[in-house]
Amino acid sequence: LVASLERLDLDYVVLPIESLGTWRKNSNYCSVAVLTTLQKFPNRN
């Protein structure tokens, strides 16, 4: 993913997380990651 973004010169944020115990919990963490990113970059969609 990162290689493709850099090839196209797109801005990105990739957040590593420790496992929360199950695949579903890890997947659902995307909602928190979106919220965190919106708050961190208030002028960016």
All heavy atoms as atom14 arrays in JSON, in Angstrom:
{
  "sequence": "LVASLERLDLDYVVLPIESLGTWRKNSNYCSVAVLTTLQKFPNRN",
  "atom14_mask": [
    [1, 1, 1, 1, 1, 1, 1, 1, 0, 0, 0, 0, 0, 0],
    [1, 1, 1, 1, 1, 1, 1, 0, 0, 0, 0, 0, 0, 0],
    [1, 1, 1, 1, 1, 0, 0, 0, 0, 0, 0, 0, 0, 0],
    [1, 1, 1, 1, 1, 1, 0, 0, 0, 0, 0, 0, 0, 0],
    [1, 1, 1, 1, 1, 1, 1, 1, 0, 0, 0, 0, 0, 0],
    [1, 1, 1, 1, 1, 1, 1, 1, 1, 0, 0, 0, 0, 0],
    [1, 1, 1, 1, 1, 1, 1, 1, 1, 1, 1, 0, 0, 0],
    [1, 1, 1, 1, 1, 1, 1, 1, 0, 0, 0, 0, 0, 0],
    [1, 1, 1, 1, 1, 1, 1, 1, 0, 0, 0, 0, 0, 0],
    [1, 1, 1, 1, 1, 1, 1, 1, 0, 0, 0, 0, 0, 0],
    [1, 1, 1, 1, 1, 1, 1, 1, 0, 0, 0, 0, 0, 0],
    [1, 1, 1, 1, 1, 1, 1, 1, 1, 1, 1, 1, 0, 0],
    [1, 1, 1, 1, 1, 1, 1, 0, 0, 0, 0, 0, 0, 0],
    [1, 1, 1, 1, 1, 1, 1, 0, 0, 0, 0, 0, 0, 0],
    [1, 1, 1, 1, 1, 1, 1, 1, 0, 0, 0, 0, 0, 0],
    [1, 1, 1, 1, 1, 1, 1, 0, 0, 0, 0, 0, 0, 0],
    [1, 1, 1, 1, 1, 1, 1, 1, 0, 0, 0, 0, 0, 0],
    [1, 1, 1, 1, 1, 1, 1, 1, 1, 0, 0, 0, 0, 0],
    [1, 1, 1, 1, 1, 1, 0, 0, 0, 0, 0, 0, 0, 0],
    [1, 1, 1, 1, 1, 1, 1, 1, 0, 0, 0, 0, 0, 0],
    [1, 1, 1, 1, 0, 0, 0, 0, 0, 0, 0, 0, 0, 0],
    [1, 1, 1, 1, 1, 1, 1, 0, 0, 0, 0, 0, 0, 0],
    [1, 1, 1, 1, 1, 1, 1, 1, 1, 1, 1, 1, 1, 1],
    [1, 1, 1, 1, 1, 1, 1, 1, 1, 1, 1, 0, 0, 0],
    [1, 1, 1, 1, 1, 1, 1, 1, 1, 0, 0, 0, 0, 0],
    [1, 1, 1, 1, 1, 1, 1, 1, 0, 0, 0, 0, 0, 0],
    [1, 1, 1, 1, 1, 1, 0, 0, 0, 0, 0, 0, 0, 0],
    [1, 1, 1, 1, 1, 1, 1, 1, 0, 0, 0, 0, 0, 0],
    [1, 1, 1, 1, 1, 1, 1, 1, 1, 1, 1, 1, 0, 0],
    [1, 1, 1, 1, 1, 1, 0, 0, 0, 0, 0, 0, 0, 0],
    [1, 1, 1, 1, 1, 1, 0, 0, 0, 0, 0, 0, 0, 0],
    [1, 1, 1, 1, 1, 1, 1, 0, 0, 0, 0, 0, 0, 0],
    [1, 1, 1, 1, 1, 0, 0, 0, 0, 0, 0, 0, 0, 0],
    [1, 1, 1, 1, 1, 1, 1, 0, 0, 0, 0, 0, 0, 0],
    [1, 1, 1, 1, 1, 1, 1, 1, 0, 0, 0, 0, 0, 0],
    [1, 1, 1, 1, 1, 1, 1, 0, 0, 0, 0, 0, 0, 0],
    [1, 1, 1, 1, 1, 1, 1, 0, 0, 0, 0, 0, 0, 0],
    [1, 1, 1, 1, 1, 1, 1, 1, 0, 0, 0, 0, 0, 0],
    [1, 1, 1, 1, 1, 1, 1, 1, 1, 0, 0, 0, 0, 0],
    [1, 1, 1, 1, 1, 1, 1, 1, 1, 0, 0, 0, 0, 0],
    [1, 1, 1, 1, 1, 1, 1, 1, 1, 1, 1, 0, 0, 0],
    [1, 1, 1, 1, 1, 1, 1, 0, 0, 0, 0, 0, 0, 0],
    [1, 1, 1, 1, 1, 1, 1, 1, 0, 0, 0, 0, 0, 0],
    [1, 1, 1, 1, 1, 1, 1, 1, 1, 1, 1, 0, 0, 0],
    [1, 1, 1, 1, 1, 1, 1, 1, 0, 0, 0, 0, 0, 0]
  ],
  "atom14_positions": [
    [[0.84, -1.2, 0.0], [0.0, 0.0, 0.0], [0.87, 1.25, 0.0], [0.67, 2.16, -0.82], [-0.92, -0.01, 1.22], [-1.68, 1.3, 1.52], [-2.59, 1.68, 0.37], [-2.45, 1.18, 2.83], [0.0, 0.0, 0.0], [0.0, 0.0, 0.0], [0.0, 0.0, 0.0], [0.0, 0.0, 0.0], [0.0, 0.0, 0.0], [0.0, 0.0, 0.0]],
    [[1.82, 1.31, 0.91], [2.68, 2.49, 1.03], [3.46, 2.73, -0.26], [3.59, 3.87, -0.73], [3.62, 2.35, 2.24], [4.71, 3.42, 2.22], [2.83, 2.44, 3.54], [0.0, 0.0, 0.0], [0.0, 0.0, 0.0], [0.0, 0.0, 0.0], [0.0, 0.0, 0.0], [0.0, 0.0, 0.0], [0.0, 0.0, 0.0], [0.0, 0.0, 0.0]],
    [[3.96, 1.66, -0.85], [4.72, 1.8, -2.1], [3.85, 2.41, -3.2], [4.31, 3.27, -3.97], [5.26, 0.44, -2.54], [0.0, 0.0, 0.0], [0.0, 0.0, 0.0], [0.0, 0.0, 0.0], [0.0, 0.0, 0.0], [0.0, 0.0, 0.0], [0.0, 0.0, 0.0], [0.0, 0.0, 0.0], [0.0, 0.0, 0.0], [0.0, 0.0, 0.0]],
    [[2.6, 2.0, -3.27], [1.71, 2.53, -4.29], [1.38, 4.0, -4.03], [1.28, 4.8, -4.96], [0.43, 1.7, -4.39], [-0.44, 1.89, -3.28], [0.0, 0.0, 0.0], [0.0, 0.0, 0.0], [0.0, 0.0, 0.0], [0.0, 0.0, 0.0], [0.0, 0.0, 0.0], [0.0, 0.0, 0.0], [0.0, 0.0, 0.0], [0.0, 0.0, 0.0]],
    [[1.22, 4.37, -2.76], [0.94, 5.75, -2.41], [2.13, 6.66, -2.72], [1.96, 7.78, -3.23], [0.57, 5.85, -0.93], [-0.74, 5.17, -0.52], [-0.85, 5.09, 1.0], [-1.94, 5.92, -1.09], [0.0, 0.0, 0.0], [0.0, 0.0, 0.0], [0.0, 0.0, 0.0], [0.0, 0.0, 0.0], [0.0, 0.0, 0.0], [0.0, 0.0, 0.0]],
    [[3.32, 6.18, -2.41], [4.51, 6.98, -2.68], [4.76, 7.12, -4.18], [5.23, 8.18, -4.64], [5.71, 6.37, -1.96], [5.59, 6.48, -0.44], [6.8, 5.99, 0.31], [7.63, 5.27, -0.29], [6.92, 6.3, 1.52], [0.0, 0.0, 0.0], [0.0, 0.0, 0.0], [0.0, 0.0, 0.0], [0.0, 0.0, 0.0], [0.0, 0.0, 0.0]],
    [[4.44, 6.09, -4.93], [4.61, 6.16, -6.39], [3.72, 7.25, -6.98], [4.11, 7.92, -7.94], [4.28, 4.8, -7.01], [4.35, 4.76, -8.53], [4.11, 3.34, -9.05], [2.82, 2.83, -8.62], [1.67, 3.08, -9.24], [1.65, 3.87, -10.31], [0.54, 2.56, -8.81], [0.0, 0.0, 0.0], [0.0, 0.0, 0.0], [0.0, 0.0, 0.0]],
    [[2.54, 7.43, -6.39], [1.59, 8.42, -6.89], [1.7, 9.76, -6.15], [0.94, 10.68, -6.42], [0.16, 7.89, -6.75], [-0.16, 6.65, -7.59], [-1.52, 6.08, -7.2], [-0.13, 6.98, -9.08], [0.0, 0.0, 0.0], [0.0, 0.0, 0.0], [0.0, 0.0, 0.0], [0.0, 0.0, 0.0], [0.0, 0.0, 0.0], [0.0, 0.0, 0.0]],
    [[2.65, 9.85, -5.21], [2.9, 11.07, -4.44], [1.66, 11.51, -3.67], [1.29, 12.7, -3.66], [3.38, 12.2, -5.37], [4.03, 13.35, -4.59], [4.58, 13.09, -3.49], [3.99, 14.49, -5.08], [0.0, 0.0, 0.0], [0.0, 0.0, 0.0], [0.0, 0.0, 0.0], [0.0, 0.0, 0.0], [0.0, 0.0, 0.0], [0.0, 0.0, 0.0]],
    [[1.02, 10.56, -2.99], [-0.16, 10.84, -2.19], [0.2, 10.91, -0.71], [1.01, 10.11, -0.22], [-1.22, 9.75, -2.41], [-1.79, 9.64, -3.83], [-2.67, 8.4, -3.96], [-2.57, 10.9, -4.19], [0.0, 0.0, 0.0], [0.0, 0.0, 0.0], [0.0, 0.0, 0.0], [0.0, 0.0, 0.0], [0.0, 0.0, 0.0], [0.0, 0.0, 0.0]],
    [[-0.39, 11.85, -0.01], [-0.16, 11.97, 1.44], [-0.85, 10.82, 2.16], [-1.97, 10.42, 1.8], [-0.73, 13.29, 1.97], [-0.03, 14.5, 1.4], [1.14, 14.37, 0.99], [-0.65, 15.58, 1.36], [0.0, 0.0, 0.0], [0.0, 0.0, 0.0], [0.0, 0.0, 0.0], [0.0, 0.0, 0.0], [0.0, 0.0, 0.0], [0.0, 0.0, 0.0]],
    [[-0.19, 10.3, 3.2], [-0.79, 9.16, 3.9], [-0.35, 9.1, 5.35], [0.67, 9.67, 5.75], [-0.43, 7.85, 3.2], [1.04, 7.48, 3.25], [1.56, 6.74, 4.31], [1.92, 7.89, 2.25], [2.91, 6.4, 4.37], [3.27, 7.56, 2.29], [3.75, 6.81, 3.35], [5.08, 6.49, 3.42], [0.0, 0.0, 0.0], [0.0, 0.0, 0.0]],
    [[-1.15, 8.38, 6.13], [-0.84, 8.04, 7.51], [-1.14, 6.57, 7.69], [-2.23, 6.11, 7.35], [-1.7, 8.85, 8.51], [-1.45, 8.37, 9.93], [-1.4, 10.34, 8.4], [0.0, 0.0, 0.0], [0.0, 0.0, 0.0], [0.0, 0.0, 0.0], [0.0, 0.0, 0.0], [0.0, 0.0, 0.0], [0.0, 0.0, 0.0], [0.0, 0.0, 0.0]],
    [[-0.18, 5.81, 8.18], [-0.38, 4.38, 8.45], [-0.11, 4.15, 9.94], [0.97, 4.46, 10.43], [0.55, 3.51, 7.59], [0.44, 2.05, 8.0], [0.2, 3.66, 6.11], [0.0, 0.0, 0.0], [0.0, 0.0, 0.0], [0.0, 0.0, 0.0], [0.0, 0.0, 0.0], [0.0, 0.0, 0.0], [0.0, 0.0, 0.0], [0.0, 0.0, 0.0]],
    [[-1.11, 3.61, 10.63], [-1.02, 3.45, 12.08], [-0.83, 1.98, 12.44], [-1.72, 1.16, 12.2], [-2.3, 3.97, 12.74], [-2.68, 5.42, 12.44], [-4.04, 5.73, 13.04], [-1.62, 6.37, 12.98], [0.0, 0.0, 0.0], [0.0, 0.0, 0.0], [0.0, 0.0, 0.0], [0.0, 0.0, 0.0], [0.0, 0.0, 0.0], [0.0, 0.0, 0.0]],
    [[0.3, 1.61, 13.06], [0.47, 0.25, 13.56], [-0.2, 0.1, 14.91], [-0.17, 1.02, 15.74], [1.99, 0.11, 13.67], [2.47, 1.51, 13.93], [1.51, 2.44, 13.23], [0.0, 0.0, 0.0], [0.0, 0.0, 0.0], [0.0, 0.0, 0.0], [0.0, 0.0, 0.0], [0.0, 0.0, 0.0], [0.0, 0.0, 0.0], [0.0, 0.0, 0.0]],
    [[-0.84, -1.05, 15.15], [-1.44, -1.32, 16.46], [-1.04, -2.71, 16.92], [-0.78, -3.6, 16.11], [-2.98, -1.19, 16.44], [-3.62, -2.31, 15.59], [-3.42, 0.18, 15.97], [-5.12, -2.47, 15.81], [0.0, 0.0, 0.0], [0.0, 0.0, 0.0], [0.0, 0.0, 0.0], [0.0, 0.0, 0.0], [0.0, 0.0, 0.0], [0.0, 0.0, 0.0]],
    [[-0.98, -2.89, 18.21], [-0.83, -4.22, 18.78], [-2.18, -4.94, 18.69], [-3.23, -4.29, 18.73], [-0.37, -4.14, 20.23], [0.99, -3.52, 20.43], [2.13, -4.36, 19.9], [1.95, -5.61, 19.82], [3.18, -3.8, 19.56], [0.0, 0.0, 0.0], [0.0, 0.0, 0.0], [0.0, 0.0, 0.0], [0.0, 0.0, 0.0], [0.0, 0.0, 0.0]],
    [[-2.16, -6.24, 18.57], [-3.41, -6.97, 18.46], [-4.28, -6.74, 19.69], [-3.81, -6.73, 20.83], [-3.15, -8.48, 18.32], [-4.38, -9.18, 18.24], [0.0, 0.0, 0.0], [0.0, 0.0, 0.0], [0.0, 0.0, 0.0], [0.0, 0.0, 0.0], [0.0, 0.0, 0.0], [0.0, 0.0, 0.0], [0.0, 0.0, 0.0], [0.0, 0.0, 0.0]],
    [[-5.56, -6.53, 19.44], [-6.54, -6.33, 20.52], [-7.17, -7.64, 20.97], [-8.08, -7.64, 21.79], [-7.62, -5.36, 20.05], [-7.12, -3.97, 19.63], [-8.26, -3.12, 19.1], [-6.44, -3.27, 20.8], [0.0, 0.0, 0.0], [0.0, 0.0, 0.0], [0.0, 0.0, 0.0], [0.0, 0.0, 0.0], [0.0, 0.0, 0.0], [0.0, 0.0, 0.0]],
    [[-6.69, -8.75, 20.42], [-7.15, -10.07, 20.87], [-7.84, -10.89, 19.82], [-7.75, -12.11, 19.82], [0.0, 0.0, 0.0], [0.0, 0.0, 0.0], [0.0, 0.0, 0.0], [0.0, 0.0, 0.0], [0.0, 0.0, 0.0], [0.0, 0.0, 0.0], [0.0, 0.0, 0.0], [0.0, 0.0, 0.0], [0.0, 0.0, 0.0], [0.0, 0.0, 0.0]],
    [[-8.57, -10.24, 18.9], [-9.25, -10.95, 17.82], [-9.13, -10.15, 16.54], [-8.93, -8.92, 16.56], [-10.75, -11.18, 18.11], [-11.43, -9.91, 18.11], [-10.95, -11.88, 19.45], [0.0, 0.0, 0.0], [0.0, 0.0, 0.0], [0.0, 0.0, 0.0], [0.0, 0.0, 0.0], [0.0, 0.0, 0.0], [0.0, 0.0, 0.0], [0.0, 0.0, 0.0]],
    [[-9.28, -10.84, 15.42], [-9.25, -10.16, 14.13], [-10.36, -9.12, 14.04], [-10.15, -8.03, 13.53], [-9.39, -11.19, 13.0], [-9.36, -10.56, 11.65], [-8.25, -10.33, 10.89], [-10.47, -10.05, 10.9], [-8.6, -9.69, 9.71], [-9.96, -9.52, 9.7], [-11.84, -9.99, 11.16], [-10.79, -8.93, 8.74], [-12.67, -9.41, 10.2], [-12.14, -8.89, 9.01]],
    [[-11.55, -9.45, 14.52], [-12.68, -8.52, 14.45], [-12.39, -7.23, 15.22], [-12.65, -6.13, 14.74], [-13.95, -9.18, 14.99], [-15.15, -8.26, 15.13], [-15.62, -7.7, 13.8], [-16.0, -8.76, 12.88], [-15.85, -8.69, 11.55], [-15.31, -7.63, 11.0], [-16.22, -9.7, 10.78], [0.0, 0.0, 0.0], [0.0, 0.0, 0.0], [0.0, 0.0, 0.0]],
    [[-11.85, -7.35, 16.43], [-11.53, -6.15, 17.21], [-10.48, -5.32, 16.5], [-10.57, -4.08, 16.46], [-11.05, -6.54, 18.61], [-12.14, -7.09, 19.52], [-11.57, -7.45, 20.88], [-12.64, -8.02, 21.79], [-12.08, -8.42, 23.11], [0.0, 0.0, 0.0], [0.0, 0.0, 0.0], [0.0, 0.0, 0.0], [0.0, 0.0, 0.0], [0.0, 0.0, 0.0]],
    [[-9.48, -5.98, 15.94], [-8.44, -5.25, 15.21], [-9.02, -4.53, 14.01], [-8.66, -3.38, 13.71], [-7.34, -6.21, 14.75], [-6.59, -6.85, 15.9], [-6.63, -6.37, 17.03], [-5.91, -7.96, 15.62], [0.0, 0.0, 0.0], [0.0, 0.0, 0.0], [0.0, 0.0, 0.0], [0.0, 0.0, 0.0], [0.0, 0.0, 0.0], [0.0, 0.0, 0.0]],
    [[-9.92, -5.21, 13.3], [-10.55, -4.61, 12.13], [-11.42, -3.42, 12.53], [-11.38, -2.35, 11.91], [-11.4, -5.66, 11.4], [-12.12, -5.08, 10.34], [0.0, 0.0, 0.0], [0.0, 0.0, 0.0], [0.0, 0.0, 0.0], [0.0, 0.0, 0.0], [0.0, 0.0, 0.0], [0.0, 0.0, 0.0], [0.0, 0.0, 0.0], [0.0, 0.0, 0.0]],
    [[-12.2, -3.59, 13.58], [-13.11, -2.52, 14.01], [-12.39, -1.3, 14.57], [-12.98, -0.22, 14.67], [-14.09, -3.06, 15.06], [-15.22, -3.86, 14.42], [-15.28, -4.01, 13.2], [-16.13, -4.37, 15.24], [0.0, 0.0, 0.0], [0.0, 0.0, 0.0], [0.0, 0.0, 0.0], [0.0, 0.0, 0.0], [0.0, 0.0, 0.0], [0.0, 0.0, 0.0]],
    [[-11.11, -1.47, 14.89], [-10.33, -0.34, 15.37], [-10.19, 0.74, 14.3], [-9.86, 1.89, 14.6], [-8.94, -0.79, 15.83], [-8.13, 0.3, 16.48], [-8.32, 0.63, 17.82], [-7.19, 1.02, 15.75], [-7.6, 1.65, 18.41], [-6.47, 2.04, 16.34], [-6.67, 2.35, 17.66], [-5.95, 3.37, 18.25], [0.0, 0.0, 0.0], [0.0, 0.0, 0.0]],
    [[-10.49, 0.39, 13.05], [-10.41, 1.38, 11.98], [-11.25, 2.61, 12.3], [-10.89, 3.74, 11.93], [-10.81, 0.79, 10.64], [-12.58, 0.5, 10.42], [0.0, 0.0, 0.0], [0.0, 0.0, 0.0], [0.0, 0.0, 0.0], [0.0, 0.0, 0.0], [0.0, 0.0, 0.0], [0.0, 0.0, 0.0], [0.0, 0.0, 0.0], [0.0, 0.0, 0.0]],
    [[-12.36, 2.42, 13.0], [-13.22, 3.55, 13.36], [-12.49, 4.52, 14.27], [-12.59, 5.75, 14.1], [-14.49, 3.04, 14.04], [-14.17, 2.25, 15.18], [0.0, 0.0, 0.0], [0.0, 0.0, 0.0], [0.0, 0.0, 0.0], [0.0, 0.0, 0.0], [0.0, 0.0, 0.0], [0.0, 0.0, 0.0], [0.0, 0.0, 0.0], [0.0, 0.0, 0.0]],
    [[-11.75, 4.01, 15.22], [-10.96, 4.84, 16.12], [-9.83, 5.52, 15.35], [-9.54, 6.71, 15.55], [-10.38, 4.01, 17.28], [-9.51, 4.87, 18.19], [-11.5, 3.34, 18.08], [0.0, 0.0, 0.0], [0.0, 0.0, 0.0], [0.0, 0.0, 0.0], [0.0, 0.0, 0.0], [0.0, 0.0, 0.0], [0.0, 0.0, 0.0], [0.0, 0.0, 0.0]],
    [[-9.21, 4.77, 14.44], [-8.12, 5.33, 13.64], [-8.6, 6.47, 12.76], [-7.91, 7.48, 12.6], [-7.49, 4.22, 12.8], [0.0, 0.0, 0.0], [0.0, 0.0, 0.0], [0.0, 0.0, 0.0], [0.0, 0.0, 0.0], [0.0, 0.0, 0.0], [0.0, 0.0, 0.0], [0.0, 0.0, 0.0], [0.0, 0.0, 0.0], [0.0, 0.0, 0.0]],
    [[-9.8, 6.33, 12.2], [-10.36, 7.41, 11.38], [-10.61, 8.64, 12.25], [-10.25, 9.77, 11.88], [-11.67, 6.97, 10.7], [-12.41, 8.17, 10.09], [-11.39, 5.92, 9.63], [0.0, 0.0, 0.0], [0.0, 0.0, 0.0], [0.0, 0.0, 0.0], [0.0, 0.0, 0.0], [0.0, 0.0, 0.0], [0.0, 0.0, 0.0], [0.0, 0.0, 0.0]],
    [[-11.21, 8.44, 13.41], [-11.49, 9.56, 14.32], [-10.21, 10.27, 14.72], [-10.13, 11.51, 14.69], [-12.23, 9.04, 15.56], [-12.63, 10.08, 16.6], [-13.59, 11.1, 16.01], [-13.25, 9.41, 17.82], [0.0, 0.0, 0.0], [0.0, 0.0, 0.0], [0.0, 0.0, 0.0], [0.0, 0.0, 0.0], [0.0, 0.0, 0.0], [0.0, 0.0, 0.0]],
    [[-9.18, 9.5, 15.06], [-7.89, 10.07, 15.46], [-7.28, 10.89, 14.34], [-6.74, 11.98, 14.57], [-6.93, 8.95, 15.88], [-7.5, 8.22, 16.98], [-5.58, 9.5, 16.29], [0.0, 0.0, 0.0], [0.0, 0.0, 0.0], [0.0, 0.0, 0.0], [0.0, 0.0, 0.0], [0.0, 0.0, 0.0], [0.0, 0.0, 0.0], [0.0, 0.0, 0.0]],
    [[-7.38, 10.37, 13.12], [-6.78, 11.06, 11.97], [-7.53, 12.34, 11.64], [-6.92, 13.38, 11.34], [-6.74, 10.12, 10.75], [-6.08, 8.9, 11.1], [-5.99, 10.77, 9.59], [0.0, 0.0, 0.0], [0.0, 0.0, 0.0], [0.0, 0.0, 0.0], [0.0, 0.0, 0.0], [0.0, 0.0, 0.0], [0.0, 0.0, 0.0], [0.0, 0.0, 0.0]],
    [[-8.86, 12.31, 11.69], [-9.64, 13.52, 11.46], [-9.3, 14.6, 12.49], [-9.19, 15.79, 12.16], [-11.14, 13.2, 11.53], [-11.74, 12.41, 10.37], [-13.13, 11.9, 10.73], [-11.8, 13.25, 9.1], [0.0, 0.0, 0.0], [0.0, 0.0, 0.0], [0.0, 0.0, 0.0], [0.0, 0.0, 0.0], [0.0, 0.0, 0.0], [0.0, 0.0, 0.0]],
    [[-9.1, 14.19, 13.73], [-8.78, 15.14, 14.78], [-7.35, 15.68, 14.65], [-7.09, 16.85, 14.92], [-8.97, 14.48, 16.16], [-10.42, 14.17, 16.48], [-10.56, 13.3, 17.72], [-9.67, 12.54, 18.08], [-11.72, 13.42, 18.39], [0.0, 0.0, 0.0], [0.0, 0.0, 0.0], [0.0, 0.0, 0.0], [0.0, 0.0, 0.0], [0.0, 0.0, 0.0]],
    [[-6.45, 14.83, 14.2], [-5.04, 15.23, 14.08], [-4.82, 16.16, 12.89], [-3.93, 17.02, 12.93], [-4.15, 13.99, 13.95], [-2.66, 14.3, 13.95], [-1.83, 13.03, 13.94], [-0.35, 13.35, 13.96], [0.48, 12.11, 13.97], [0.0, 0.0, 0.0], [0.0, 0.0, 0.0], [0.0, 0.0, 0.0], [0.0, 0.0, 0.0], [0.0, 0.0, 0.0]],
    [[-5.62, 15.98, 11.85], [-5.48, 16.79, 10.64], [-6.81, 17.51, 10.37], [-7.55, 17.16, 9.45], [-5.1, 15.91, 9.44], [-3.8, 15.19, 9.61], [-3.79, 13.88, 10.1], [-2.6, 15.79, 9.29], [-2.59, 13.2, 10.26], [-1.4, 15.12, 9.45], [-1.39, 13.82, 9.94], [0.0, 0.0, 0.0], [0.0, 0.0, 0.0], [0.0, 0.0, 0.0]],
    [[-7.13, 18.54, 11.17], [-8.44, 19.17, 11.08], [-8.73, 19.85, 9.75], [-9.9, 20.12, 9.44], [-8.43, 20.18, 12.24], [-6.98, 20.44, 12.5], [-6.29, 19.15, 12.21], [0.0, 0.0, 0.0], [0.0, 0.0, 0.0], [0.0, 0.0, 0.0], [0.0, 0.0, 0.0], [0.0, 0.0, 0.0], [0.0, 0.0, 0.0], [0.0, 0.0, 0.0]],
    [[-7.7, 20.13, 8.98], [-7.89, 20.8, 7.7], [-7.84, 19.84, 6.51], [-7.78, 20.29, 5.36], [-6.84, 21.9, 7.52], [-6.95, 22.98, 8.58], [-8.05, 23.42, 8.91], [-5.82, 23.39, 9.12], [0.0, 0.0, 0.0], [0.0, 0.0, 0.0], [0.0, 0.0, 0.0], [0.0, 0.0, 0.0], [0.0, 0.0, 0.0], [0.0, 0.0, 0.0]],
    [[-7.84, 18.54, 6.79], [-7.75, 17.56, 5.71], [-8.9, 16.58, 5.8], [-9.27, 16.11, 6.89], [-6.43, 16.76, 5.8], [-5.18, 17.57, 5.62], [-5.03, 18.13, 4.22], [-4.94, 17.11, 3.2], [-3.8, 16.51, 2.83], [-2.66, 16.83, 3.44], [-3.79, 15.61, 1.87], [0.0, 0.0, 0.0], [0.0, 0.0, 0.0], [0.0, 0.0, 0.0]],
    [[-9.46, 16.24, 4.65], [-10.38, 15.12, 4.58], [-9.59, 13.83, 4.62], [-8.38, 13.82, 4.39], [-11.22, 15.22, 3.3], [-12.04, 16.5, 3.25], [-12.49, 16.99, 4.27], [-12.22, 17.05, 2.05], [0.0, 0.0, 0.0], [0.0, 0.0, 0.0], [0.0, 0.0, 0.0], [0.0, 0.0, 0.0], [0.0, 0.0, 0.0], [0.0, 0.0, 0.0]]
  ]
}
